[in-house]
Amino acid sequence: MLVRLPYHLSVLSQIAAAVALTHKEETLGTVAKLSAERDRVVARLQELGYYVVPSESNFVSFGRFADQHAVWQGFLDRDVLIRDNGVPGLLRATIGLPEENDAFLSAAEDLADTVEMIN
């Protein structure tokens, strides 16, 4: 039988980690930009009246929607793809490039007055 240590990482994962460490300034710069974009998206969603789950990741869960699938469809109708991951009342948006986030926020603004929220 094959024996491995817990949390075994493949050779490819180890190589990717080594490359990231070699270029840590660029990697950390990307993380800083992503964090700033996330903060911008969260602030705008809150200005529009959406509840946003606190996040330190590259995505935000938001809503408290009465019918999250209908809201998901509203985003899709505006050519914005987000996730309905089955959490009642919430949708999930991945933080992307500034222009992608702008498209998402524009759709969120369009939908803000038309969606029913639950408290």
N, C-alpha and C. Protein backbone atom coordinates (compact mmCIF):
# COMPACT_ATOMS: atom_id res chain seq x y z
N MET A 1 0.84 -1.19 0.00
CA MET A 1 0.00 0.00 0.00
C MET A 1 0.88 1.25 0.00
N LEU A 2 0.35 2.28 -0.61
CA LEU A 2 1.05 3.54 -0.69
C LEU A 2 0.90 4.29 0.63
N VAL A 3 1.99 4.79 1.15
CA VAL A 3 1.96 5.54 2.41
C VAL A 3 2.37 6.97 2.11
N ARG A 4 1.58 7.91 2.61
CA ARG A 4 1.89 9.34 2.43
C ARG A 4 1.74 10.07 3.75
N LEU A 5 2.43 11.16 3.83
CA LEU A 5 2.25 12.04 4.97
C LEU A 5 0.91 12.77 4.83
N PRO A 6 0.33 13.20 5.93
CA PRO A 6 -0.92 13.98 5.83
C PRO A 6 -0.68 15.26 5.01
N TYR A 7 -1.68 15.67 4.29
CA TYR A 7 -1.64 16.90 3.49
C TYR A 7 -0.54 16.84 2.43
N HIS A 8 -0.42 15.71 1.81
CA HIS A 8 0.57 15.52 0.75
C HIS A 8 0.35 16.53 -0.37
N LEU A 9 1.44 17.12 -0.86
CA LEU A 9 1.39 18.04 -1.99
C LEU A 9 2.09 17.39 -3.17
N SER A 10 1.46 17.49 -4.32
CA SER A 10 2.07 16.92 -5.52
C SER A 10 3.32 17.71 -5.89
N VAL A 11 4.13 17.13 -6.76
CA VAL A 11 5.33 17.80 -7.25
C VAL A 11 4.96 19.11 -7.94
N LEU A 12 3.88 19.10 -8.73
CA LEU A 12 3.47 20.33 -9.42
C LEU A 12 3.08 21.42 -8.43
N SER A 13 2.38 21.05 -7.36
CA SER A 13 2.02 22.04 -6.33
C SER A 13 3.26 22.60 -5.65
N GLN A 14 4.24 21.75 -5.40
CA GLN A 14 5.48 22.20 -4.77
C GLN A 14 6.25 23.14 -5.69
N ILE A 15 6.29 22.84 -6.98
CA ILE A 15 6.97 23.71 -7.94
C ILE A 15 6.27 25.06 -8.03
N ALA A 16 4.93 25.05 -8.08
CA ALA A 16 4.17 26.30 -8.14
C ALA A 16 4.44 27.15 -6.90
N ALA A 17 4.51 26.52 -5.74
CA ALA A 17 4.80 27.26 -4.51
C ALA A 17 6.21 27.85 -4.55
N ALA A 18 7.16 27.09 -5.04
CA ALA A 18 8.54 27.59 -5.13
C ALA A 18 8.63 28.79 -6.07
N VAL A 19 7.94 28.71 -7.20
CA VAL A 19 7.94 29.84 -8.14
C VAL A 19 7.29 31.06 -7.50
N ALA A 20 6.16 30.85 -6.81
CA ALA A 20 5.49 31.98 -6.15
C ALA A 20 6.41 32.62 -5.11
N LEU A 21 7.14 31.81 -4.37
CA LEU A 21 8.07 32.36 -3.37
C LEU A 21 9.23 33.10 -4.02
N THR A 22 9.67 32.61 -5.16
CA THR A 22 10.75 33.28 -5.89
C THR A 22 10.30 34.65 -6.37
N HIS A 23 9.04 34.79 -6.69
CA HIS A 23 8.48 36.04 -7.20
C HIS A 23 7.50 36.64 -6.18
N LYS A 24 7.90 36.62 -4.92
CA LYS A 24 6.97 37.01 -3.86
C LYS A 24 6.52 38.47 -3.96
N GLU A 25 7.37 39.37 -4.46
CA GLU A 25 6.95 40.77 -4.57
C GLU A 25 5.77 40.90 -5.52
N GLU A 26 5.85 40.24 -6.66
CA GLU A 26 4.75 40.28 -7.62
C GLU A 26 3.50 39.61 -7.06
N THR A 27 3.71 38.46 -6.40
CA THR A 27 2.59 37.73 -5.82
C THR A 27 1.88 38.57 -4.77
N LEU A 28 2.66 39.17 -3.88
CA LEU A 28 2.06 39.99 -2.82
C LEU A 28 1.42 41.25 -3.39
N GLY A 29 1.99 41.80 -4.47
CA GLY A 29 1.37 42.95 -5.12
C GLY A 29 0.01 42.60 -5.68
N THR A 30 -0.09 41.42 -6.26
CA THR A 30 -1.38 40.96 -6.79
C THR A 30 -2.38 40.78 -5.65
N VAL A 31 -1.93 40.24 -4.54
CA VAL A 31 -2.82 40.05 -3.38
C VAL A 31 -3.31 41.41 -2.88
N ALA A 32 -2.44 42.38 -2.82
CA ALA A 32 -2.82 43.72 -2.36
C ALA A 32 -3.86 44.35 -3.29
N LYS A 33 -3.67 44.19 -4.61
CA LYS A 33 -4.65 44.72 -5.56
C LYS A 33 -5.99 44.03 -5.41
N LEU A 34 -5.96 42.72 -5.25
CA LEU A 34 -7.19 41.95 -5.07
C LEU A 34 -7.92 42.37 -3.80
N SER A 35 -7.18 42.57 -2.72
CA SER A 35 -7.79 43.00 -1.46
C SER A 35 -8.43 44.38 -1.60
N ALA A 36 -7.75 45.28 -2.30
CA ALA A 36 -8.30 46.63 -2.50
C ALA A 36 -9.57 46.57 -3.34
N GLU A 37 -9.57 45.73 -4.36
CA GLU A 37 -10.78 45.57 -5.19
C GLU A 37 -11.92 44.98 -4.38
N ARG A 38 -11.61 43.99 -3.54
CA ARG A 38 -12.64 43.40 -2.69
C ARG A 38 -13.24 44.47 -1.78
N ASP A 39 -12.39 45.28 -1.18
CA ASP A 39 -12.88 46.33 -0.28
C ASP A 39 -13.76 47.32 -1.04
N ARG A 40 -13.38 47.65 -2.26
CA ARG A 40 -14.18 48.58 -3.09
C ARG A 40 -15.54 47.97 -3.41
N VAL A 41 -15.54 46.71 -3.79
CA VAL A 41 -16.81 46.03 -4.13
C VAL A 41 -17.71 45.95 -2.90
N VAL A 42 -17.15 45.56 -1.77
CA VAL A 42 -17.94 45.46 -0.54
C VAL A 42 -18.55 46.81 -0.18
N ALA A 43 -17.74 47.86 -0.23
CA ALA A 43 -18.24 49.20 0.13
C ALA A 43 -19.39 49.62 -0.77
N ARG A 44 -19.25 49.37 -2.07
CA ARG A 44 -20.32 49.78 -3.00
C ARG A 44 -21.57 48.94 -2.80
N LEU A 45 -21.42 47.63 -2.58
CA LEU A 45 -22.60 46.80 -2.33
C LEU A 45 -23.34 47.30 -1.09
N GLN A 46 -22.60 47.65 -0.06
CA GLN A 46 -23.24 48.15 1.17
C GLN A 46 -23.92 49.49 0.91
N GLU A 47 -23.31 50.36 0.11
CA GLU A 47 -23.95 51.64 -0.26
C GLU A 47 -25.27 51.39 -0.98
N LEU A 48 -25.32 50.32 -1.76
CA LEU A 48 -26.54 49.99 -2.51
C LEU A 48 -27.59 49.30 -1.65
N GLY A 49 -27.26 49.01 -0.39
CA GLY A 49 -28.22 48.42 0.52
C GLY A 49 -28.15 46.91 0.66
N TYR A 50 -27.14 46.30 0.09
CA TYR A 50 -26.98 44.85 0.21
C TYR A 50 -26.27 44.50 1.52
N TYR A 51 -26.67 43.40 2.11
CA TYR A 51 -25.92 42.83 3.23
C TYR A 51 -24.73 42.09 2.64
N VAL A 52 -23.55 42.25 3.23
CA VAL A 52 -22.34 41.56 2.75
C VAL A 52 -21.73 40.80 3.93
N VAL A 53 -21.48 39.52 3.73
CA VAL A 53 -20.82 38.70 4.74
C VAL A 53 -19.36 39.12 4.81
N PRO A 54 -18.82 39.38 6.00
CA PRO A 54 -17.41 39.75 6.10
C PRO A 54 -16.52 38.71 5.42
N SER A 55 -15.51 39.17 4.68
CA SER A 55 -14.67 38.27 3.90
C SER A 55 -13.24 38.76 3.86
N GLU A 56 -12.32 37.83 3.92
CA GLU A 56 -10.90 38.11 3.71
C GLU A 56 -10.40 37.31 2.51
N SER A 57 -11.33 36.81 1.69
CA SER A 57 -10.96 35.96 0.56
C SER A 57 -11.14 36.70 -0.76
N ASN A 58 -11.07 35.96 -1.85
CA ASN A 58 -11.21 36.57 -3.18
C ASN A 58 -12.65 36.52 -3.68
N PHE A 59 -13.60 36.37 -2.77
CA PHE A 59 -15.00 36.42 -3.14
C PHE A 59 -15.80 37.04 -2.01
N VAL A 60 -17.01 37.48 -2.34
CA VAL A 60 -17.92 38.01 -1.33
C VAL A 60 -19.27 37.32 -1.48
N SER A 61 -19.87 37.01 -0.33
CA SER A 61 -21.24 36.53 -0.29
C SER A 61 -22.10 37.71 0.13
N PHE A 62 -23.20 37.88 -0.54
CA PHE A 62 -24.02 39.07 -0.29
C PHE A 62 -25.49 38.75 -0.51
N GLY A 63 -26.36 39.57 0.05
CA GLY A 63 -27.75 39.45 -0.26
C GLY A 63 -28.74 39.59 0.86
N ARG A 64 -29.18 38.43 1.39
CA ARG A 64 -30.39 38.27 2.18
C ARG A 64 -31.60 38.41 1.26
N PHE A 65 -31.53 37.70 0.14
CA PHE A 65 -32.57 37.76 -0.87
C PHE A 65 -33.72 36.82 -0.53
N ALA A 66 -34.94 37.26 -0.82
CA ALA A 66 -36.10 36.38 -0.66
C ALA A 66 -36.04 35.25 -1.67
N ASP A 67 -35.54 35.54 -2.87
CA ASP A 67 -35.42 34.52 -3.93
C ASP A 67 -34.08 34.70 -4.62
N GLN A 68 -33.04 34.07 -4.06
CA GLN A 68 -31.70 34.29 -4.61
C GLN A 68 -31.57 33.80 -6.04
N HIS A 69 -32.34 32.78 -6.43
CA HIS A 69 -32.21 32.31 -7.81
C HIS A 69 -32.71 33.36 -8.80
N ALA A 70 -33.79 34.05 -8.46
CA ALA A 70 -34.30 35.11 -9.33
C ALA A 70 -33.28 36.24 -9.47
N VAL A 71 -32.61 36.57 -8.38
CA VAL A 71 -31.58 37.62 -8.43
C VAL A 71 -30.39 37.13 -9.25
N TRP A 72 -30.00 35.87 -9.05
CA TRP A 72 -28.92 35.29 -9.86
C TRP A 72 -29.26 35.41 -11.34
N GLN A 73 -30.51 35.11 -11.70
CA GLN A 73 -30.94 35.21 -13.09
C GLN A 73 -30.87 36.66 -13.57
N GLY A 74 -31.19 37.61 -12.69
CA GLY A 74 -31.09 39.02 -13.03
C GLY A 74 -29.67 39.42 -13.37
N PHE A 75 -28.71 38.92 -12.61
CA PHE A 75 -27.30 39.19 -12.94
C PHE A 75 -26.94 38.54 -14.27
N LEU A 76 -27.36 37.30 -14.46
CA LEU A 76 -27.05 36.60 -15.71
C LEU A 76 -27.65 37.33 -16.90
N ASP A 77 -28.87 37.84 -16.75
CA ASP A 77 -29.52 38.60 -17.83
C ASP A 77 -28.72 39.86 -18.19
N ARG A 78 -27.89 40.31 -17.28
CA ARG A 78 -27.03 41.48 -17.51
C ARG A 78 -25.60 41.06 -17.85
N ASP A 79 -25.45 39.81 -18.27
CA ASP A 79 -24.16 39.24 -18.68
C ASP A 79 -23.13 39.20 -17.56
N VAL A 80 -23.59 39.03 -16.34
CA VAL A 80 -22.69 38.90 -15.19
C VAL A 80 -22.96 37.54 -14.55
N LEU A 81 -21.93 36.71 -14.51
CA LEU A 81 -22.06 35.38 -13.94
C LEU A 81 -21.51 35.36 -12.52
N ILE A 82 -22.39 35.07 -11.57
CA ILE A 82 -22.01 34.89 -10.17
C ILE A 82 -22.51 33.52 -9.75
N ARG A 83 -22.30 33.15 -8.50
CA ARG A 83 -22.68 31.81 -8.05
C ARG A 83 -23.85 31.84 -7.09
N ASP A 84 -24.77 30.93 -7.33
CA ASP A 84 -25.80 30.59 -6.35
C ASP A 84 -25.34 29.26 -5.78
N ASN A 85 -24.63 29.33 -4.65
CA ASN A 85 -24.04 28.11 -4.10
C ASN A 85 -24.93 27.43 -3.06
N GLY A 86 -26.22 27.77 -3.09
CA GLY A 86 -27.18 27.06 -2.25
C GLY A 86 -27.32 27.57 -0.83
N VAL A 87 -26.63 28.63 -0.47
CA VAL A 87 -26.80 29.21 0.86
C VAL A 87 -28.06 30.07 0.82
N PRO A 88 -29.06 29.74 1.62
CA PRO A 88 -30.33 30.47 1.54
C PRO A 88 -30.14 31.99 1.66
N GLY A 89 -30.67 32.70 0.68
CA GLY A 89 -30.67 34.16 0.69
C GLY A 89 -29.40 34.84 0.21
N LEU A 90 -28.35 34.07 -0.06
CA LEU A 90 -27.07 34.68 -0.43
C LEU A 90 -26.60 34.24 -1.81
N LEU A 91 -25.87 35.12 -2.45
CA LEU A 91 -25.17 34.82 -3.70
C LEU A 91 -23.69 35.10 -3.47
N ARG A 92 -22.86 34.58 -4.36
CA ARG A 92 -21.41 34.73 -4.20
C ARG A 92 -20.80 35.28 -5.47
N ALA A 93 -19.99 36.32 -5.33
CA ALA A 93 -19.30 36.92 -6.47
C ALA A 93 -17.80 36.85 -6.23
N THR A 94 -17.09 36.39 -7.24
CA THR A 94 -15.64 36.36 -7.19
C THR A 94 -15.10 37.73 -7.57
N ILE A 95 -14.10 38.18 -6.84
CA ILE A 95 -13.47 39.46 -7.15
C ILE A 95 -12.53 39.25 -8.33
N GLY A 96 -12.69 40.09 -9.34
CA GLY A 96 -11.88 39.96 -10.55
C GLY A 96 -11.11 41.22 -10.86
N LEU A 97 -10.92 41.45 -12.13
CA LEU A 97 -10.26 42.66 -12.60
C LEU A 97 -11.17 43.86 -12.36
N PRO A 98 -10.63 45.06 -12.25
CA PRO A 98 -11.48 46.23 -11.99
C PRO A 98 -12.65 46.36 -12.96
N GLU A 99 -12.42 46.12 -14.26
CA GLU A 99 -13.52 46.26 -15.22
C GLU A 99 -14.58 45.17 -15.04
N GLU A 100 -14.17 43.99 -14.59
CA GLU A 100 -15.15 42.93 -14.29
C GLU A 100 -15.96 43.30 -13.06
N ASN A 101 -15.29 43.84 -12.05
CA ASN A 101 -15.99 44.27 -10.85
C ASN A 101 -16.93 45.43 -11.14
N ASP A 102 -16.53 46.32 -12.06
CA ASP A 102 -17.40 47.43 -12.45
C ASP A 102 -18.69 46.90 -13.10
N ALA A 103 -18.56 45.89 -13.96
CA ALA A 103 -19.74 45.30 -14.61
C ALA A 103 -20.64 44.67 -13.55
N PHE A 104 -20.06 43.96 -12.60
CA PHE A 104 -20.83 43.36 -11.51
C PHE A 104 -21.56 44.43 -10.70
N LEU A 105 -20.84 45.49 -10.34
CA LEU A 105 -21.46 46.55 -9.53
C LEU A 105 -22.54 47.30 -10.30
N SER A 106 -22.37 47.46 -11.59
CA SER A 106 -23.40 48.09 -12.42
C SER A 106 -24.67 47.24 -12.41
N ALA A 107 -24.51 45.94 -12.55
CA ALA A 107 -25.68 45.04 -12.49
C ALA A 107 -26.30 45.07 -11.11
N ALA A 108 -25.48 45.09 -10.07
CA ALA A 108 -26.00 45.15 -8.70
C ALA A 108 -26.80 46.42 -8.48
N GLU A 109 -26.33 47.52 -9.05
CA GLU A 109 -27.05 48.79 -8.94
C GLU A 109 -28.38 48.72 -9.68
N ASP A 110 -28.37 48.14 -10.88
CA ASP A 110 -29.61 47.97 -11.65
C ASP A 110 -30.65 47.17 -10.87
N LEU A 111 -30.18 46.15 -10.16
CA LEU A 111 -31.09 45.24 -9.47
C LEU A 111 -31.48 45.69 -8.07
N ALA A 112 -30.75 46.62 -7.50
CA ALA A 112 -30.90 46.98 -6.09
C ALA A 112 -32.33 47.35 -5.71
N ASP A 113 -33.01 48.09 -6.54
CA ASP A 113 -34.37 48.53 -6.20
C ASP A 113 -35.44 47.54 -6.59
N THR A 114 -35.06 46.46 -7.27
CA THR A 114 -36.08 45.52 -7.77
C THR A 114 -36.11 44.20 -7.00
N VAL A 115 -35.10 43.95 -6.16
CA VAL A 115 -35.05 42.67 -5.45
C VAL A 115 -35.67 42.79 -4.07
N GLU A 116 -36.31 41.69 -3.66
CA GLU A 116 -36.91 41.65 -2.33
C GLU A 116 -35.90 41.07 -1.35
N MET A 117 -35.65 41.82 -0.29
CA MET A 117 -34.69 41.38 0.74
C MET A 117 -35.45 40.88 1.96
N ILE A 118 -34.83 39.97 2.67
CA ILE A 118 -35.37 39.51 3.95
C ILE A 118 -34.47 40.04 5.05
N ASN A 119 -35.04 40.32 6.20
CA ASN A 119 -34.24 40.87 7.31
C ASN A 119 -33.65 39.81 8.16
